Structures are given as C-alpha cells and as structure tokens.
C-alpha cells in the first residue's frame, strides 16, 4: 500500500534516465513510477522476476515481445535473464535489461530511488519504417499495462 493507505498505482513520469548505450539515443522512451513504500526490500532483479512470475498478463506480454516486436528472448527461467531479457546490470537498486529483434533494440531500466521504483523503456529502431509502425500498434498497450506491473511490484 502507498503511504496514503490507498493501493499503490503506477503513473507516467518524465524520462530522466540516460539511454544505457553510450553514444546513441533512443527513438522512443517512456517512464513509469510507483511509490516503493510497500515493496519488499529485495534487489530489483528479484522483485521484477517474482512479480512477472505470477502476473496474469505475462503470457500476453510475452506474446507481444516475441511475436509482434520479434525480440529474440532467452528461456524465461534463465538465471542470466529476466523473462527472456538479458541482464546487463544487476545491482540492488538498479537493473538494466536488453532484448534485440531484427527491427529494434530494447532496454528496460528499473531504478529504486527517492522512495519510488521507476521503470524506463528505451527502443532504438534498427531500420526506419516498420519498427515505428509496429510500435504505433503495440505502444498503447505497453503504456496501459506498465503502470499495473509496477503497482503489482509493490502490492505483491
């Protein structure tokens, strides 16, 4: 629960995170945050992994990542990955995940800071045209689902 006694709710916030690949910029970025007061005091990698494990929307998200965005994901239960996304950085309060597809590269940056958990999504198109069109179709669902994922991290 949030400090107000109400259930935690994820919300869109300005992107303050830097793109995790030096010398490059993202073609798309967004960020969502949730009050972390109720989150278990575990590393973010573990928190995201366990949150996704029991999440009813996980199969739908997996379908979108593998089939629509064509990310080449590892097996979901791999210790070097979080639901198929390769772990680039794993610190107690920061986790950076990466996935590649023929159309784009994706980075997810989770950070616990200032009493919040923030999840930033970065996409970089591998070529013009098609990736932008695919994201125009998938992006609205991403922006709708991500706040619920973050709220689940806190509620358990």
C-alpha atoms as a PDB file:
ATOM      1  CA  UNK A   1       0.000   0.000   0.000  1.00  0.00           C
ATOM      2  CA  UNK A   2       1.079   3.531  -0.634  1.00  0.00           C
ATOM      3  CA  UNK A   3       1.775   5.882   2.263  1.00  0.00           C
ATOM      4  CA  UNK A   4      -1.770   7.287   1.941  1.00  0.00           C
ATOM      5  CA  UNK A   5      -3.294   3.898   2.763  1.00  0.00           C
ATOM      6  CA  UNK A   6      -4.554   3.542  -0.800  1.00  0.00           C
ATOM      7  CA  UNK A   7      -3.241   0.801  -3.084  1.00  0.00           C
ATOM      8  CA  UNK A   8      -0.104   1.818  -4.974  1.00  0.00           C
ATOM      9  CA  UNK A   9      -0.698   2.989  -8.526  1.00  0.00           C
ATOM     10  CA  UNK A  10       1.837   3.290 -11.282  1.00  0.00           C
ATOM     11  CA  UNK A  11       1.892   6.576 -13.153  1.00  0.00           C
ATOM     12  CA  UNK A  12       3.706   8.018 -16.144  1.00  0.00           C
ATOM     13  CA  UNK A  13       6.601  10.316 -15.275  1.00  0.00           C
ATOM     14  CA  UNK A  14       9.161  12.281 -17.301  1.00  0.00           C
ATOM     15  CA  UNK A  15      12.120  10.271 -18.587  1.00  0.00           C
ATOM     16  CA  UNK A  16      15.172  11.215 -16.513  1.00  0.00           C
ATOM     17  CA  UNK A  17      17.222   8.059 -17.101  1.00  0.00           C
ATOM     18  CA  UNK A  18      20.023   8.180 -19.676  1.00  0.00           C
ATOM     19  CA  UNK A  19      19.997   5.788 -22.598  1.00  0.00           C
ATOM     20  CA  UNK A  20      22.162   2.856 -21.445  1.00  0.00           C
ATOM     21  CA  UNK A  21      24.293   2.660 -24.608  1.00  0.00           C
ATOM     22  CA  UNK A  22      26.906   5.411 -24.745  1.00  0.00           C
ATOM     23  CA  UNK A  23      26.973   7.434 -27.934  1.00  0.00           C
ATOM     24  CA  UNK A  24      23.440   6.516 -29.009  1.00  0.00           C
ATOM     25  CA  UNK A  25      19.976   7.910 -28.463  1.00  0.00           C
ATOM     26  CA  UNK A  26      16.629   6.169 -28.222  1.00  0.00           C
ATOM     27  CA  UNK A  27      13.969   6.554 -30.876  1.00  0.00           C
ATOM     28  CA  UNK A  28      11.320   6.008 -28.183  1.00  0.00           C
ATOM     29  CA  UNK A  29      11.452   6.349 -24.401  1.00  0.00           C
ATOM     30  CA  UNK A  30       8.903   6.425 -21.605  1.00  0.00           C
ATOM     31  CA  UNK A  31       8.997   6.066 -17.833  1.00  0.00           C
ATOM     32  CA  UNK A  32       6.547   4.975 -15.164  1.00  0.00           C
ATOM     33  CA  UNK A  33       6.892   5.191 -11.391  1.00  0.00           C
ATOM     34  CA  UNK A  34       5.237   3.792  -8.294  1.00  0.00           C
ATOM     35  CA  UNK A  35       5.641   4.653  -4.603  1.00  0.00           C
ATOM     36  CA  UNK A  36       8.039   1.986  -3.297  1.00  0.00           C
ATOM     37  CA  UNK A  37       6.959   2.182   0.350  1.00  0.00           C
ATOM     38  CA  UNK A  38       5.271  -1.243   0.242  1.00  0.00           C
ATOM     39  CA  UNK A  39       7.827  -3.005  -1.961  1.00  0.00           C
ATOM     40  CA  UNK A  40       9.793  -5.884  -0.442  1.00  0.00           C
ATOM     41  CA  UNK A  41      13.423  -4.922   0.329  1.00  0.00           C
ATOM     42  CA  UNK A  42      14.906  -7.241  -2.292  1.00  0.00           C
ATOM     43  CA  UNK A  43      17.083  -6.467  -5.327  1.00  0.00           C
ATOM     44  CA  UNK A  44      15.044  -5.086  -8.231  1.00  0.00           C
ATOM     45  CA  UNK A  45      16.032  -8.031 -10.430  1.00  0.00           C
ATOM     46  CA  UNK A  46      14.358 -10.384  -7.934  1.00  0.00           C
ATOM     47  CA  UNK A  47      11.377  -8.098  -7.472  1.00  0.00           C
ATOM     48  CA  UNK A  48      10.698  -7.894 -11.220  1.00  0.00           C
ATOM     49  CA  UNK A  49      11.273 -11.617 -11.698  1.00  0.00           C
ATOM     50  CA  UNK A  50       8.849 -12.676  -8.942  1.00  0.00           C
ATOM     51  CA  UNK A  51       6.301 -10.025  -9.927  1.00  0.00           C
ATOM     52  CA  UNK A  52       6.243 -11.269 -13.506  1.00  0.00           C
ATOM     53  CA  UNK A  53       6.087 -14.934 -12.481  1.00  0.00           C
ATOM     54  CA  UNK A  54       2.563 -14.688 -11.101  1.00  0.00           C
ATOM     55  CA  UNK A  55       1.261 -11.872 -13.289  1.00  0.00           C
ATOM     56  CA  UNK A  56      -1.877 -12.844 -15.241  1.00  0.00           C
ATOM     57  CA  UNK A  57      -0.853 -10.584 -18.168  1.00  0.00           C
ATOM     58  CA  UNK A  58       2.590 -12.244 -18.517  1.00  0.00           C
ATOM     59  CA  UNK A  59       1.590 -14.558 -21.401  1.00  0.00           C
ATOM     60  CA  UNK A  60       0.125 -11.627 -23.338  1.00  0.00           C
ATOM     61  CA  UNK A  61       3.228  -9.516 -22.754  1.00  0.00           C
ATOM     62  CA  UNK A  62       5.436 -12.449 -23.762  1.00  0.00           C
ATOM     63  CA  UNK A  63       3.417 -12.876 -26.962  1.00  0.00           C
ATOM     64  CA  UNK A  64       3.809  -9.177 -27.792  1.00  0.00           C
ATOM     65  CA  UNK A  65       7.555  -9.263 -27.122  1.00  0.00           C
ATOM     66  CA  UNK A  66       8.241 -12.466 -29.078  1.00  0.00           C
ATOM     67  CA  UNK A  67       5.699 -12.380 -31.902  1.00  0.00           C
ATOM     68  CA  UNK A  68       4.844  -8.726 -32.535  1.00  0.00           C
ATOM     69  CA  UNK A  69       8.103  -6.968 -31.616  1.00  0.00           C
ATOM     70  CA  UNK A  70      10.101 -10.075 -32.581  1.00  0.00           C
ATOM     71  CA  UNK A  71      12.523  -9.828 -29.656  1.00  0.00           C
ATOM     72  CA  UNK A  72      14.848 -12.819 -29.602  1.00  0.00           C
ATOM     73  CA  UNK A  73      14.376 -13.786 -25.967  1.00  0.00           C
ATOM     74  CA  UNK A  74      16.113 -16.448 -23.900  1.00  0.00           C
ATOM     75  CA  UNK A  75      14.142 -19.035 -21.968  1.00  0.00           C
ATOM     76  CA  UNK A  76      12.017 -17.337 -19.318  1.00  0.00           C
ATOM     77  CA  UNK A  77      13.668 -19.117 -16.399  1.00  0.00           C
ATOM     78  CA  UNK A  78      17.316 -18.451 -17.342  1.00  0.00           C
ATOM     79  CA  UNK A  79      19.362 -17.013 -14.434  1.00  0.00           C
ATOM     80  CA  UNK A  80      21.089 -14.541 -16.795  1.00  0.00           C
ATOM     81  CA  UNK A  81      17.741 -13.189 -17.980  1.00  0.00           C
ATOM     82  CA  UNK A  82      14.527 -11.778 -16.588  1.00  0.00           C
ATOM     83  CA  UNK A  83      11.693 -13.292 -18.606  1.00  0.00           C
ATOM     84  CA  UNK A  84      13.925 -13.623 -21.626  1.00  0.00           C
ATOM     85  CA  UNK A  85      15.508 -10.159 -21.437  1.00  0.00           C
ATOM     86  CA  UNK A  86      19.305 -10.312 -20.928  1.00  0.00           C
ATOM     87  CA  UNK A  87      20.539  -8.796 -17.670  1.00  0.00           C
ATOM     88  CA  UNK A  88      23.078  -6.086 -18.483  1.00  0.00           C
ATOM     89  CA  UNK A  89      23.320  -4.625 -14.971  1.00  0.00           C
ATOM     90  CA  UNK A  90      22.009  -6.030 -11.709  1.00  0.00           C
ATOM     91  CA  UNK A  91      22.575  -4.048  -8.535  1.00  0.00           C
ATOM     92  CA  UNK A  92      20.253  -3.979  -5.528  1.00  0.00           C
ATOM     93  CA  UNK A  93      18.528  -0.754  -6.654  1.00  0.00           C
ATOM     94  CA  UNK A  94      19.167  -0.868 -10.418  1.00  0.00           C
ATOM     95  CA  UNK A  95      18.509  -3.446 -13.100  1.00  0.00           C
ATOM     96  CA  UNK A  96      19.120  -2.964 -16.833  1.00  0.00           C
ATOM     97  CA  UNK A  97      17.677  -5.491 -19.269  1.00  0.00           C
ATOM     98  CA  UNK A  98      18.219  -5.745 -23.031  1.00  0.00           C
ATOM     99  CA  UNK A  99      16.433  -7.514 -25.872  1.00  0.00           C
ATOM    100  CA  UNK A 100      17.165  -7.432 -29.593  1.00  0.00           C
ATOM    101  CA  UNK A 101      14.987  -8.008 -32.607  1.00  0.00           C
ATOM    102  CA  UNK A 102      15.557  -7.611 -36.341  1.00  0.00           C
ATOM    103  CA  UNK A 103      13.535  -4.384 -36.037  1.00  0.00           C
ATOM    104  CA  UNK A 104      14.784  -2.782 -32.852  1.00  0.00           C
ATOM    105  CA  UNK A 105      16.771  -2.990 -29.664  1.00  0.00           C
ATOM    106  CA  UNK A 106      15.030  -2.574 -26.344  1.00  0.00           C
ATOM    107  CA  UNK A 107      16.342  -1.625 -22.928  1.00  0.00           C
ATOM    108  CA  UNK A 108      14.397  -1.662 -19.687  1.00  0.00           C
ATOM    109  CA  UNK A 109      15.938   0.244 -16.796  1.00  0.00           C
ATOM    110  CA  UNK A 110      14.484  -0.279 -13.348  1.00  0.00           C
ATOM    111  CA  UNK A 111      15.660   2.009 -10.568  1.00  0.00           C
ATOM    112  CA  UNK A 112      14.682   2.361  -6.914  1.00  0.00           C
ATOM    113  CA  UNK A 113      15.318   5.963  -5.907  1.00  0.00           C
ATOM    114  CA  UNK A 114      13.737   8.681  -3.805  1.00  0.00           C
ATOM    115  CA  UNK A 115      11.067   6.364  -2.400  1.00  0.00           C
ATOM    116  CA  UNK A 116       9.938   5.255  -5.859  1.00  0.00           C
ATOM    117  CA  UNK A 117      10.516   2.453  -8.300  1.00  0.00           C
ATOM    118  CA  UNK A 118      10.858   3.809 -11.839  1.00  0.00           C
ATOM    119  CA  UNK A 119      10.796   1.652 -14.963  1.00  0.00           C
ATOM    120  CA  UNK A 120      12.092   3.319 -18.123  1.00  0.00           C
ATOM    121  CA  UNK A 121      11.659   1.741 -21.552  1.00  0.00           C
ATOM    122  CA  UNK A 122      14.017   2.641 -24.400  1.00  0.00           C
ATOM    123  CA  UNK A 123      13.636   1.494 -28.001  1.00  0.00           C
ATOM    124  CA  UNK A 124      16.018   2.109 -30.879  1.00  0.00           C
ATOM    125  CA  UNK A 125      14.882   1.254 -34.395  1.00  0.00           C
ATOM    126  CA  UNK A 126      17.199  -0.991 -36.426  1.00  0.00           C
ATOM    127  CA  UNK A 127      15.782   0.476 -39.605  1.00  0.00           C
ATOM    128  CA  UNK A 128      13.240   3.159 -40.455  1.00  0.00           C
ATOM    129  CA  UNK A 129       9.591   2.492 -41.185  1.00  0.00           C
ATOM    130  CA  UNK A 130       8.324  -0.866 -39.989  1.00  0.00           C
ATOM    131  CA  UNK A 131       9.515  -0.704 -36.343  1.00  0.00           C
ATOM    132  CA  UNK A 132       7.797   2.643 -35.849  1.00  0.00           C
ATOM    133  CA  UNK A 133       4.580   1.245 -37.345  1.00  0.00           C
ATOM    134  CA  UNK A 134       4.679  -1.883 -35.165  1.00  0.00           C
ATOM    135  CA  UNK A 135       5.321   0.246 -32.066  1.00  0.00           C
ATOM    136  CA  UNK A 136       2.406   2.510 -33.012  1.00  0.00           C
ATOM    137  CA  UNK A 137       0.227  -0.600 -32.649  1.00  0.00           C
ATOM    138  CA  UNK A 138       1.912  -2.132 -29.561  1.00  0.00           C
ATOM    139  CA  UNK A 139       2.869   1.065 -27.709  1.00  0.00           C
ATOM    140  CA  UNK A 140      -0.607   1.976 -26.424  1.00  0.00           C
ATOM    141  CA  UNK A 141      -0.920  -1.449 -24.758  1.00  0.00           C
ATOM    142  CA  UNK A 142       2.569  -1.056 -23.270  1.00  0.00           C
ATOM    143  CA  UNK A 143       1.627   2.334 -21.789  1.00  0.00           C
ATOM    144  CA  UNK A 144      -1.552   0.865 -20.348  1.00  0.00           C
ATOM    145  CA  UNK A 145      -0.021  -2.312 -18.881  1.00  0.00           C
ATOM    146  CA  UNK A 146       3.258  -0.978 -17.425  1.00  0.00           C
ATOM    147  CA  UNK A 147       1.670   1.022 -14.563  1.00  0.00           C
ATOM    148  CA  UNK A 148      -0.177  -2.136 -13.483  1.00  0.00           C
ATOM    149  CA  UNK A 149       3.067  -4.135 -13.482  1.00  0.00           C
ATOM    150  CA  UNK A 150       4.731  -1.535 -11.249  1.00  0.00           C
ATOM    151  CA  UNK A 151       1.769  -1.463  -8.875  1.00  0.00           C
ATOM    152  CA  UNK A 152       1.974  -5.241  -8.610  1.00  0.00           C
ATOM    153  CA  UNK A 153       5.666  -4.961  -7.613  1.00  0.00           C
ATOM    154  CA  UNK A 154       4.568  -3.047  -4.524  1.00  0.00           C
ATOM    155  CA  UNK A 155       1.345  -4.893  -3.705  1.00  0.00           C
ATOM    156  CA  UNK A 156       2.814  -8.352  -4.112  1.00  0.00           C
END
